[in-house]
Amino acid sequence: RGYAGHDPFDGLNSRLFQATPLKHSPFARLVLTQAVKRSPVNLRPLL
């Protein structure tokens, strides 16, 4: 895999999130980071 992959804390790399004004909100950034990290399923393909 070329030593590339996902990380528990990479939720803010979401192209969907970065396209919204929420990317400027510390609270929204924290919520998304923790939601993606804690999800029992991998949400990254959707995001």
All heavy atoms as atom14 arrays in JSON, in Angstrom:
{
  "sequence": "RGYAGHDPFDGLNSRLFQATPLKHSPFARLVLTQAVKRSPVNLRPLL",
  "atom14_mask": [
    [1, 1, 1, 1, 1, 1, 1, 1, 1, 1, 1, 0, 0, 0],
    [1, 1, 1, 1, 0, 0, 0, 0, 0, 0, 0, 0, 0, 0],
    [1, 1, 1, 1, 1, 1, 1, 1, 1, 1, 1, 1, 0, 0],
    [1, 1, 1, 1, 1, 0, 0, 0, 0, 0, 0, 0, 0, 0],
    [1, 1, 1, 1, 0, 0, 0, 0, 0, 0, 0, 0, 0, 0],
    [1, 1, 1, 1, 1, 1, 1, 1, 1, 1, 0, 0, 0, 0],
    [1, 1, 1, 1, 1, 1, 1, 1, 0, 0, 0, 0, 0, 0],
    [1, 1, 1, 1, 1, 1, 1, 0, 0, 0, 0, 0, 0, 0],
    [1, 1, 1, 1, 1, 1, 1, 1, 1, 1, 1, 0, 0, 0],
    [1, 1, 1, 1, 1, 1, 1, 1, 0, 0, 0, 0, 0, 0],
    [1, 1, 1, 1, 0, 0, 0, 0, 0, 0, 0, 0, 0, 0],
    [1, 1, 1, 1, 1, 1, 1, 1, 0, 0, 0, 0, 0, 0],
    [1, 1, 1, 1, 1, 1, 1, 1, 0, 0, 0, 0, 0, 0],
    [1, 1, 1, 1, 1, 1, 0, 0, 0, 0, 0, 0, 0, 0],
    [1, 1, 1, 1, 1, 1, 1, 1, 1, 1, 1, 0, 0, 0],
    [1, 1, 1, 1, 1, 1, 1, 1, 0, 0, 0, 0, 0, 0],
    [1, 1, 1, 1, 1, 1, 1, 1, 1, 1, 1, 0, 0, 0],
    [1, 1, 1, 1, 1, 1, 1, 1, 1, 0, 0, 0, 0, 0],
    [1, 1, 1, 1, 1, 0, 0, 0, 0, 0, 0, 0, 0, 0],
    [1, 1, 1, 1, 1, 1, 1, 0, 0, 0, 0, 0, 0, 0],
    [1, 1, 1, 1, 1, 1, 1, 0, 0, 0, 0, 0, 0, 0],
    [1, 1, 1, 1, 1, 1, 1, 1, 0, 0, 0, 0, 0, 0],
    [1, 1, 1, 1, 1, 1, 1, 1, 1, 0, 0, 0, 0, 0],
    [1, 1, 1, 1, 1, 1, 1, 1, 1, 1, 0, 0, 0, 0],
    [1, 1, 1, 1, 1, 1, 0, 0, 0, 0, 0, 0, 0, 0],
    [1, 1, 1, 1, 1, 1, 1, 0, 0, 0, 0, 0, 0, 0],
    [1, 1, 1, 1, 1, 1, 1, 1, 1, 1, 1, 0, 0, 0],
    [1, 1, 1, 1, 1, 0, 0, 0, 0, 0, 0, 0, 0, 0],
    [1, 1, 1, 1, 1, 1, 1, 1, 1, 1, 1, 0, 0, 0],
    [1, 1, 1, 1, 1, 1, 1, 1, 0, 0, 0, 0, 0, 0],
    [1, 1, 1, 1, 1, 1, 1, 0, 0, 0, 0, 0, 0, 0],
    [1, 1, 1, 1, 1, 1, 1, 1, 0, 0, 0, 0, 0, 0],
    [1, 1, 1, 1, 1, 1, 1, 0, 0, 0, 0, 0, 0, 0],
    [1, 1, 1, 1, 1, 1, 1, 1, 1, 0, 0, 0, 0, 0],
    [1, 1, 1, 1, 1, 0, 0, 0, 0, 0, 0, 0, 0, 0],
    [1, 1, 1, 1, 1, 1, 1, 0, 0, 0, 0, 0, 0, 0],
    [1, 1, 1, 1, 1, 1, 1, 1, 1, 0, 0, 0, 0, 0],
    [1, 1, 1, 1, 1, 1, 1, 1, 1, 1, 1, 0, 0, 0],
    [1, 1, 1, 1, 1, 1, 0, 0, 0, 0, 0, 0, 0, 0],
    [1, 1, 1, 1, 1, 1, 1, 0, 0, 0, 0, 0, 0, 0],
    [1, 1, 1, 1, 1, 1, 1, 0, 0, 0, 0, 0, 0, 0],
    [1, 1, 1, 1, 1, 1, 1, 1, 0, 0, 0, 0, 0, 0],
    [1, 1, 1, 1, 1, 1, 1, 1, 0, 0, 0, 0, 0, 0],
    [1, 1, 1, 1, 1, 1, 1, 1, 1, 1, 1, 0, 0, 0],
    [1, 1, 1, 1, 1, 1, 1, 0, 0, 0, 0, 0, 0, 0],
    [1, 1, 1, 1, 1, 1, 1, 1, 0, 0, 0, 0, 0, 0],
    [1, 1, 1, 1, 1, 1, 1, 1, 0, 0, 0, 0, 0, 0]
  ],
  "atom14_positions": [
    [[0.82, -1.22, 0.0], [0.0, 0.0, 0.0], [0.85, 1.26, 0.0], [0.33, 2.36, 0.24], [-0.97, -0.03, 1.19], [-2.09, -1.03, 0.96], [-2.63, -1.64, 2.23], [-3.62, -2.66, 1.87], [-3.29, -3.92, 1.51], [-2.03, -4.29, 1.5], [-4.24, -4.77, 1.19], [0.0, 0.0, 0.0], [0.0, 0.0, 0.0], [0.0, 0.0, 0.0]],
    [[2.13, 1.1, -0.26], [3.0, 2.25, -0.31], [3.12, 2.98, 1.01], [3.45, 4.17, 1.05], [0.0, 0.0, 0.0], [0.0, 0.0, 0.0], [0.0, 0.0, 0.0], [0.0, 0.0, 0.0], [0.0, 0.0, 0.0], [0.0, 0.0, 0.0], [0.0, 0.0, 0.0], [0.0, 0.0, 0.0], [0.0, 0.0, 0.0], [0.0, 0.0, 0.0]],
    [[2.85, 2.29, 2.13], [2.94, 2.85, 3.48], [2.0, 4.05, 3.68], [2.22, 4.89, 4.54], [4.38, 3.25, 3.81], [5.34, 2.09, 3.69], [6.08, 1.88, 2.53], [5.5, 1.18, 4.73], [6.95, 0.81, 2.4], [6.37, 0.1, 4.61], [7.09, -0.08, 3.44], [7.94, -1.15, 3.32], [0.0, 0.0, 0.0], [0.0, 0.0, 0.0]],
    [[0.94, 4.1, 2.88], [-0.04, 5.19, 2.99], [-1.36, 4.62, 3.52], [-1.72, 3.48, 3.21], [-0.27, 5.85, 1.64], [0.0, 0.0, 0.0], [0.0, 0.0, 0.0], [0.0, 0.0, 0.0], [0.0, 0.0, 0.0], [0.0, 0.0, 0.0], [0.0, 0.0, 0.0], [0.0, 0.0, 0.0], [0.0, 0.0, 0.0], [0.0, 0.0, 0.0]],
    [[-2.07, 5.4, 4.3], [-3.34, 4.95, 4.84], [-4.04, 6.05, 5.6], [-3.68, 7.23, 5.49], [0.0, 0.0, 0.0], [0.0, 0.0, 0.0], [0.0, 0.0, 0.0], [0.0, 0.0, 0.0], [0.0, 0.0, 0.0], [0.0, 0.0, 0.0], [0.0, 0.0, 0.0], [0.0, 0.0, 0.0], [0.0, 0.0, 0.0], [0.0, 0.0, 0.0]],
    [[-5.03, 5.67, 6.38], [-5.79, 6.63, 7.19], [-5.24, 6.7, 8.6], [-4.39, 5.9, 9.0], [-7.27, 6.24, 7.21], [-7.96, 6.47, 5.9], [-8.66, 5.49, 5.25], [-8.03, 7.58, 5.1], [-9.15, 5.97, 4.12], [-8.77, 7.23, 4.0], [0.0, 0.0, 0.0], [0.0, 0.0, 0.0], [0.0, 0.0, 0.0], [0.0, 0.0, 0.0]],
    [[-5.74, 7.68, 9.35], [-5.29, 7.94, 10.71], [-6.51, 8.25, 11.56], [-7.49, 8.81, 11.06], [-4.34, 9.15, 10.72], [-3.61, 9.31, 12.02], [-4.14, 9.95, 12.94], [-2.49, 8.76, 12.14], [0.0, 0.0, 0.0], [0.0, 0.0, 0.0], [0.0, 0.0, 0.0], [0.0, 0.0, 0.0], [0.0, 0.0, 0.0], [0.0, 0.0, 0.0]],
    [[-6.49, 7.91, 12.85], [-7.65, 8.24, 13.69], [-8.02, 9.72, 13.68], [-9.19, 10.07, 13.86], [-7.21, 7.79, 15.09], [-6.19, 6.74, 14.86], [-5.48, 7.15, 13.61], [0.0, 0.0, 0.0], [0.0, 0.0, 0.0], [0.0, 0.0, 0.0], [0.0, 0.0, 0.0], [0.0, 0.0, 0.0], [0.0, 0.0, 0.0], [0.0, 0.0, 0.0]],
    [[-7.06, 10.6, 13.44], [-7.29, 12.03, 13.59], [-7.35, 12.78, 12.25], [-7.23, 14.0, 12.23], [-6.2, 12.64, 14.46], [-6.21, 12.14, 15.88], [-5.44, 11.05, 16.24], [-7.01, 12.74, 16.85], [-5.46, 10.56, 17.55], [-7.03, 12.27, 18.15], [-6.26, 11.17, 18.5], [0.0, 0.0, 0.0], [0.0, 0.0, 0.0], [0.0, 0.0, 0.0]],
    [[-7.56, 12.05, 11.14], [-7.5, 12.71, 9.84], [-8.86, 13.16, 9.31], [-8.99, 13.49, 8.13], [-6.81, 11.82, 8.81], [-7.59, 10.54, 8.52], [-8.69, 10.36, 9.06], [-7.08, 9.7, 7.75], [0.0, 0.0, 0.0], [0.0, 0.0, 0.0], [0.0, 0.0, 0.0], [0.0, 0.0, 0.0], [0.0, 0.0, 0.0], [0.0, 0.0, 0.0]],
    [[-9.89, 13.23, 10.16], [-11.23, 13.59, 9.71], [-11.3, 14.94, 9.04], [-12.12, 15.16, 8.12], [0.0, 0.0, 0.0], [0.0, 0.0, 0.0], [0.0, 0.0, 0.0], [0.0, 0.0, 0.0], [0.0, 0.0, 0.0], [0.0, 0.0, 0.0], [0.0, 0.0, 0.0], [0.0, 0.0, 0.0], [0.0, 0.0, 0.0], [0.0, 0.0, 0.0]],
    [[-10.45, 15.88, 9.45], [-10.5, 17.22, 8.87], [-9.93, 17.27, 7.46], [-10.0, 18.31, 6.8], [-9.77, 18.23, 9.77], [-10.37, 18.42, 11.17], [-9.62, 19.49, 11.93], [-11.86, 18.77, 11.07], [0.0, 0.0, 0.0], [0.0, 0.0, 0.0], [0.0, 0.0, 0.0], [0.0, 0.0, 0.0], [0.0, 0.0, 0.0], [0.0, 0.0, 0.0]],
    [[-9.4, 16.16, 6.97], [-9.0, 16.06, 5.57], [-10.2, 15.83, 4.66], [-10.04, 15.72, 3.44], [-7.99, 14.94, 5.36], [-6.57, 15.35, 5.75], [-6.32, 16.52, 6.03], [-5.66, 14.39, 5.78], [0.0, 0.0, 0.0], [0.0, 0.0, 0.0], [0.0, 0.0, 0.0], [0.0, 0.0, 0.0], [0.0, 0.0, 0.0], [0.0, 0.0, 0.0]],
    [[-11.39, 15.75, 5.24], [-12.61, 15.52, 4.46], [-12.82, 16.61, 3.41], [-12.88, 17.8, 3.74], [-13.83, 15.47, 5.39], [-15.02, 15.59, 4.67], [0.0, 0.0, 0.0], [0.0, 0.0, 0.0], [0.0, 0.0, 0.0], [0.0, 0.0, 0.0], [0.0, 0.0, 0.0], [0.0, 0.0, 0.0], [0.0, 0.0, 0.0], [0.0, 0.0, 0.0]],
    [[-12.94, 16.21, 2.17], [-13.21, 17.2, 1.1], [-14.58, 17.83, 1.29], [-14.76, 19.03, 1.01], [-13.11, 16.51, -0.26], [-11.71, 16.08, -0.64], [-11.62, 15.69, -2.11], [-12.46, 14.54, -2.41], [-12.06, 13.27, -2.3], [-10.84, 13.01, -1.87], [-12.87, 12.28, -2.6], [0.0, 0.0, 0.0], [0.0, 0.0, 0.0], [0.0, 0.0, 0.0]],
    [[-15.53, 17.05, 1.8], [-16.87, 17.61, 2.03], [-16.83, 18.68, 3.12], [-17.4, 19.76, 2.97], [-17.83, 16.49, 2.43], [-18.18, 15.45, 1.36], [-19.12, 14.4, 1.93], [-18.82, 16.13, 0.15], [0.0, 0.0, 0.0], [0.0, 0.0, 0.0], [0.0, 0.0, 0.0], [0.0, 0.0, 0.0], [0.0, 0.0, 0.0], [0.0, 0.0, 0.0]],
    [[-16.17, 18.39, 4.22], [-16.09, 19.35, 5.32], [-15.34, 20.6, 4.9], [-15.75, 21.73, 5.23], [-15.41, 18.7, 6.52], [-15.32, 19.58, 7.73], [-16.43, 19.77, 8.55], [-14.14, 20.23, 8.07], [-16.36, 20.58, 9.67], [-14.06, 21.04, 9.18], [-15.18, 21.22, 9.98], [0.0, 0.0, 0.0], [0.0, 0.0, 0.0], [0.0, 0.0, 0.0]],
    [[-14.24, 20.44, 4.17], [-13.44, 21.59, 3.77], [-14.18, 22.5, 2.78], [-13.79, 23.65, 2.6], [-12.12, 21.11, 3.16], [-11.18, 20.47, 4.16], [-10.74, 21.42, 5.27], [-10.59, 22.63, 5.04], [-10.57, 20.9, 6.47], [0.0, 0.0, 0.0], [0.0, 0.0, 0.0], [0.0, 0.0, 0.0], [0.0, 0.0, 0.0], [0.0, 0.0, 0.0]],
    [[-15.25, 21.98, 2.18], [-16.04, 22.8, 1.24], [-17.12, 23.6, 1.94], [-17.87, 24.33, 1.28], [-16.67, 21.89, 0.18], [0.0, 0.0, 0.0], [0.0, 0.0, 0.0], [0.0, 0.0, 0.0], [0.0, 0.0, 0.0], [0.0, 0.0, 0.0], [0.0, 0.0, 0.0], [0.0, 0.0, 0.0], [0.0, 0.0, 0.0], [0.0, 0.0, 0.0]],
    [[-17.22, 23.5, 3.28], [-18.26, 24.21, 4.03], [-17.65, 25.28, 4.93], [-16.46, 25.2, 5.27], [-19.06, 23.22, 4.9], [-18.24, 22.82, 6.02], [-19.48, 22.0, 4.11], [0.0, 0.0, 0.0], [0.0, 0.0, 0.0], [0.0, 0.0, 0.0], [0.0, 0.0, 0.0], [0.0, 0.0, 0.0], [0.0, 0.0, 0.0], [0.0, 0.0, 0.0]],
    [[-18.46, 26.26, 5.36], [-17.95, 27.27, 6.29], [-17.6, 26.69, 7.66], [-16.9, 27.34, 8.44], [-19.13, 28.26, 6.41], [-19.99, 28.01, 5.22], [-19.82, 26.56, 4.89], [0.0, 0.0, 0.0], [0.0, 0.0, 0.0], [0.0, 0.0, 0.0], [0.0, 0.0, 0.0], [0.0, 0.0, 0.0], [0.0, 0.0, 0.0], [0.0, 0.0, 0.0]],
    [[-18.07, 25.48, 7.95], [-17.77, 24.87, 9.25], [-16.29, 24.65, 9.47], [-15.83, 24.51, 10.61], [-18.52, 23.53, 9.37], [-20.04, 23.61, 9.49], [-20.65, 22.23, 9.42], [-20.45, 24.32, 10.78], [0.0, 0.0, 0.0], [0.0, 0.0, 0.0], [0.0, 0.0, 0.0], [0.0, 0.0, 0.0], [0.0, 0.0, 0.0], [0.0, 0.0, 0.0]],
    [[-15.52, 24.64, 8.38], [-14.08, 24.41, 8.54], [-13.41, 25.51, 9.35], [-12.3, 25.34, 9.86], [-13.42, 24.3, 7.17], [-13.4, 25.59, 6.37], [-12.71, 25.39, 5.03], [-12.64, 26.7, 4.23], [-11.97, 26.51, 2.93], [0.0, 0.0, 0.0], [0.0, 0.0, 0.0], [0.0, 0.0, 0.0], [0.0, 0.0, 0.0], [0.0, 0.0, 0.0]],
    [[-14.09, 26.65, 9.51], [-13.54, 27.77, 10.29], [-13.94, 27.71, 11.76], [-13.48, 28.53, 12.56], [-13.99, 29.1, 9.7], [-13.59, 29.29, 8.26], [-12.28, 29.38, 7.86], [-14.35, 29.38, 7.13], [-12.23, 29.54, 6.55], [-13.47, 29.54, 6.08], [0.0, 0.0, 0.0], [0.0, 0.0, 0.0], [0.0, 0.0, 0.0], [0.0, 0.0, 0.0]],
    [[-14.79, 26.76, 12.13], [-15.3, 26.67, 13.51], [-14.47, 25.68, 14.33], [-14.45, 24.49, 14.01], [-16.76, 26.23, 13.49], [-17.17, 25.82, 14.78], [0.0, 0.0, 0.0], [0.0, 0.0, 0.0], [0.0, 0.0, 0.0], [0.0, 0.0, 0.0], [0.0, 0.0, 0.0], [0.0, 0.0, 0.0], [0.0, 0.0, 0.0], [0.0, 0.0, 0.0]],
    [[-13.8, 26.13, 15.41], [-13.07, 25.19, 16.27], [-13.96, 24.09, 16.82], [-13.54, 22.93, 16.9], [-12.51, 26.09, 17.38], [-12.44, 27.45, 16.76], [-13.61, 27.53, 15.83], [0.0, 0.0, 0.0], [0.0, 0.0, 0.0], [0.0, 0.0, 0.0], [0.0, 0.0, 0.0], [0.0, 0.0, 0.0], [0.0, 0.0, 0.0], [0.0, 0.0, 0.0]],
    [[-15.21, 24.46, 17.21], [-16.11, 23.45, 17.76], [-16.47, 22.4, 16.72], [-16.44, 21.2, 16.98], [-17.38, 24.12, 18.3], [-18.38, 23.15, 18.86], [-18.16, 22.53, 20.08], [-19.54, 22.83, 18.15], [-19.08, 21.62, 20.59], [-20.45, 21.93, 18.65], [-20.23, 21.33, 19.88], [0.0, 0.0, 0.0], [0.0, 0.0, 0.0], [0.0, 0.0, 0.0]],
    [[-16.79, 22.86, 15.5], [-17.13, 21.91, 14.43], [-15.95, 21.04, 14.07], [-16.1, 19.83, 13.83], [-17.63, 22.67, 13.2], [0.0, 0.0, 0.0], [0.0, 0.0, 0.0], [0.0, 0.0, 0.0], [0.0, 0.0, 0.0], [0.0, 0.0, 0.0], [0.0, 0.0, 0.0], [0.0, 0.0, 0.0], [0.0, 0.0, 0.0], [0.0, 0.0, 0.0]],
    [[-14.75, 21.61, 14.06], [-13.55, 20.82, 13.77], [-13.33, 19.74, 14.83], [-13.02, 18.59, 14.51], [-12.33, 21.73, 13.66], [-12.33, 22.66, 12.46], [-10.96, 23.28, 12.23], [-10.5, 24.09, 13.35], [-10.44, 25.42, 13.34], [-10.85, 26.1, 12.27], [-9.97, 26.08, 14.38], [0.0, 0.0, 0.0], [0.0, 0.0, 0.0], [0.0, 0.0, 0.0]],
    [[-13.52, 20.11, 16.09], [-13.33, 19.14, 17.17], [-14.39, 18.04, 17.1], [-14.07, 16.84, 17.26], [-13.39, 19.85, 18.52], [-13.1, 19.0, 19.76], [-11.7, 18.41, 19.69], [-13.27, 19.83, 21.03], [0.0, 0.0, 0.0], [0.0, 0.0, 0.0], [0.0, 0.0, 0.0], [0.0, 0.0, 0.0], [0.0, 0.0, 0.0], [0.0, 0.0, 0.0]],
    [[-15.64, 18.42, 16.85], [-16.72, 17.43, 16.78], [-16.46, 16.45, 15.64], [-16.59, 15.22, 15.81], [-18.08, 18.13, 16.61], [-19.15, 17.11, 16.23], [-18.47, 18.85, 17.9], [0.0, 0.0, 0.0], [0.0, 0.0, 0.0], [0.0, 0.0, 0.0], [0.0, 0.0, 0.0], [0.0, 0.0, 0.0], [0.0, 0.0, 0.0], [0.0, 0.0, 0.0]],
    [[-16.11, 16.96, 14.47], [-15.88, 16.06, 13.34], [-14.7, 15.14, 13.6], [-14.77, 13.92, 13.34], [-15.63, 16.86, 12.06], [-15.36, 16.0, 10.82], [-16.59, 15.18, 10.45], [-14.91, 16.85, 9.64], [0.0, 0.0, 0.0], [0.0, 0.0, 0.0], [0.0, 0.0, 0.0], [0.0, 0.0, 0.0], [0.0, 0.0, 0.0], [0.0, 0.0, 0.0]],
    [[-13.61, 15.68, 14.12], [-12.43, 14.86, 14.41], [-12.78, 13.7, 15.33], [-12.43, 12.54, 15.07], [-11.32, 15.71, 15.03], [-10.94, 16.74, 14.11], [-10.1, 14.86, 15.37], [0.0, 0.0, 0.0], [0.0, 0.0, 0.0], [0.0, 0.0, 0.0], [0.0, 0.0, 0.0], [0.0, 0.0, 0.0], [0.0, 0.0, 0.0], [0.0, 0.0, 0.0]],
    [[-13.5, 14.01, 16.41], [-13.84, 12.98, 17.38], [-14.9, 12.01, 16.85], [-14.85, 10.81, 17.14], [-14.32, 13.63, 18.68], [-13.23, 14.37, 19.43], [-12.06, 13.45, 19.81], [-12.26, 12.34, 20.28], [-10.84, 13.93, 19.6], [0.0, 0.0, 0.0], [0.0, 0.0, 0.0], [0.0, 0.0, 0.0], [0.0, 0.0, 0.0], [0.0, 0.0, 0.0]],
    [[-15.84, 12.52, 16.06], [-16.87, 11.64, 15.51], [-16.27, 10.61, 14.56], [-16.6, 9.42, 14.6], [-17.93, 12.47, 14.79], [0.0, 0.0, 0.0], [0.0, 0.0, 0.0], [0.0, 0.0, 0.0], [0.0, 0.0, 0.0], [0.0, 0.0, 0.0], [0.0, 0.0, 0.0], [0.0, 0.0, 0.0], [0.0, 0.0, 0.0], [0.0, 0.0, 0.0]],
    [[-15.36, 11.06, 13.7], [-14.72, 10.14, 12.76], [-13.82, 9.16, 13.51], [-13.77, 7.96, 13.2], [-13.92, 10.94, 11.71], [-13.09, 10.01, 10.83], [-14.86, 11.77, 10.85], [0.0, 0.0, 0.0], [0.0, 0.0, 0.0], [0.0, 0.0, 0.0], [0.0, 0.0, 0.0], [0.0, 0.0, 0.0], [0.0, 0.0, 0.0], [0.0, 0.0, 0.0]],
    [[-13.11, 9.66, 14.51], [-12.22, 8.82, 15.29], [-12.98, 7.74, 16.06], [-12.55, 6.58, 16.14], [-11.42, 9.7, 16.26], [-10.54, 8.95, 17.26], [-9.76, 9.95, 18.09], [-8.93, 9.28, 19.18], [-9.76, 8.91, 20.34], [0.0, 0.0, 0.0], [0.0, 0.0, 0.0], [0.0, 0.0, 0.0], [0.0, 0.0, 0.0], [0.0, 0.0, 0.0]],
    [[-14.12, 8.09, 16.63], [-14.84, 7.19, 17.52], [-15.86, 6.3, 16.81], [-16.42, 5.39, 17.41], [-15.55, 8.0, 18.61], [-14.61, 8.74, 19.53], [-15.36, 9.7, 20.44], [-14.46, 10.48, 21.28], [-14.04, 10.11, 22.48], [-14.46, 8.96, 22.99], [-13.22, 10.86, 23.18], [0.0, 0.0, 0.0], [0.0, 0.0, 0.0], [0.0, 0.0, 0.0]],
    [[-16.12, 6.54, 15.55], [-17.14, 5.78, 14.83], [-16.76, 4.3, 14.74], [-15.6, 3.97, 14.45], [-17.31, 6.34, 13.42], [-18.18, 5.51, 12.67], [0.0, 0.0, 0.0], [0.0, 0.0, 0.0], [0.0, 0.0, 0.0], [0.0, 0.0, 0.0], [0.0, 0.0, 0.0], [0.0, 0.0, 0.0], [0.0, 0.0, 0.0], [0.0, 0.0, 0.0]],
    [[-17.72, 3.39, 15.0], [-17.43, 1.95, 14.87], [-17.22, 1.52, 13.43], [-16.7, 0.43, 13.18], [-18.66, 1.3, 15.49], [-19.75, 2.31, 15.35], [-19.08, 3.64, 15.47], [0.0, 0.0, 0.0], [0.0, 0.0, 0.0], [0.0, 0.0, 0.0], [0.0, 0.0, 0.0], [0.0, 0.0, 0.0], [0.0, 0.0, 0.0], [0.0, 0.0, 0.0]],
    [[-17.63, 2.34, 12.48], [-17.39, 2.05, 11.06], [-16.56, 3.19, 10.47], [-16.58, 4.32, 10.96], [-18.71, 1.89, 10.28], [-19.48, 0.7, 10.79], [-19.55, 3.15, 10.35], [0.0, 0.0, 0.0], [0.0, 0.0, 0.0], [0.0, 0.0, 0.0], [0.0, 0.0, 0.0], [0.0, 0.0, 0.0], [0.0, 0.0, 0.0], [0.0, 0.0, 0.0]],
    [[-15.84, 2.89, 9.42], [-14.96, 3.88, 8.8], [-15.78, 4.83, 7.92], [-16.27, 4.44, 6.86], [-13.89, 3.17, 7.98], [-12.82, 4.14, 7.49], [-12.83, 5.33, 7.82], [-11.9, 3.63, 6.7], [0.0, 0.0, 0.0], [0.0, 0.0, 0.0], [0.0, 0.0, 0.0], [0.0, 0.0, 0.0], [0.0, 0.0, 0.0], [0.0, 0.0, 0.0]],
    [[-15.9, 6.09, 8.35], [-16.69, 7.09, 7.63], [-15.9, 7.8, 6.54], [-16.48, 8.58, 5.77], [-17.22, 8.14, 8.62], [-18.12, 7.63, 9.75], [-18.45, 8.77, 10.7], [-19.39, 7.02, 9.18], [0.0, 0.0, 0.0], [0.0, 0.0, 0.0], [0.0, 0.0, 0.0], [0.0, 0.0, 0.0], [0.0, 0.0, 0.0], [0.0, 0.0, 0.0]],
    [[-14.62, 7.54, 6.44], [-13.77, 8.34, 5.56], [-14.14, 8.24, 4.09], [-14.09, 9.26, 3.39], [-12.31, 7.96, 5.8], [-11.82, 8.42, 7.18], [-10.51, 7.77, 7.58], [-10.16, 8.18, 8.94], [-10.68, 7.62, 10.03], [-11.55, 6.62, 9.92], [-10.35, 8.05, 11.23], [0.0, 0.0, 0.0], [0.0, 0.0, 0.0], [0.0, 0.0, 0.0]],
    [[-14.48, 7.06, 3.57], [-14.89, 7.02, 2.16], [-16.09, 7.91, 1.87], [-16.15, 8.57, 0.81], [-15.22, 5.55, 1.93], [-14.38, 4.82, 2.93], [-14.38, 5.7, 4.14], [0.0, 0.0, 0.0], [0.0, 0.0, 0.0], [0.0, 0.0, 0.0], [0.0, 0.0, 0.0], [0.0, 0.0, 0.0], [0.0, 0.0, 0.0], [0.0, 0.0, 0.0]],
    [[-17.04, 7.98, 2.8], [-18.21, 8.83, 2.6], [-17.86, 10.31, 2.68], [-18.46, 11.15, 1.99], [-19.28, 8.51, 3.65], [-19.89, 7.1, 3.59], [-20.83, 6.89, 4.78], [-20.65, 6.91, 2.27], [0.0, 0.0, 0.0], [0.0, 0.0, 0.0], [0.0, 0.0, 0.0], [0.0, 0.0, 0.0], [0.0, 0.0, 0.0], [0.0, 0.0, 0.0]],
    [[-16.88, 10.65, 3.52], [-16.52, 12.05, 3.74], [-15.45, 12.55, 2.78], [-15.11, 13.74, 2.8], [-16.03, 12.23, 5.18], [-17.08, 11.99, 6.27], [-16.42, 11.99, 7.65], [-18.17, 13.05, 6.21], [0.0, 0.0, 0.0], [0.0, 0.0, 0.0], [0.0, 0.0, 0.0], [0.0, 0.0, 0.0], [0.0, 0.0, 0.0], [0.0, 0.0, 0.0]]
  ]
}
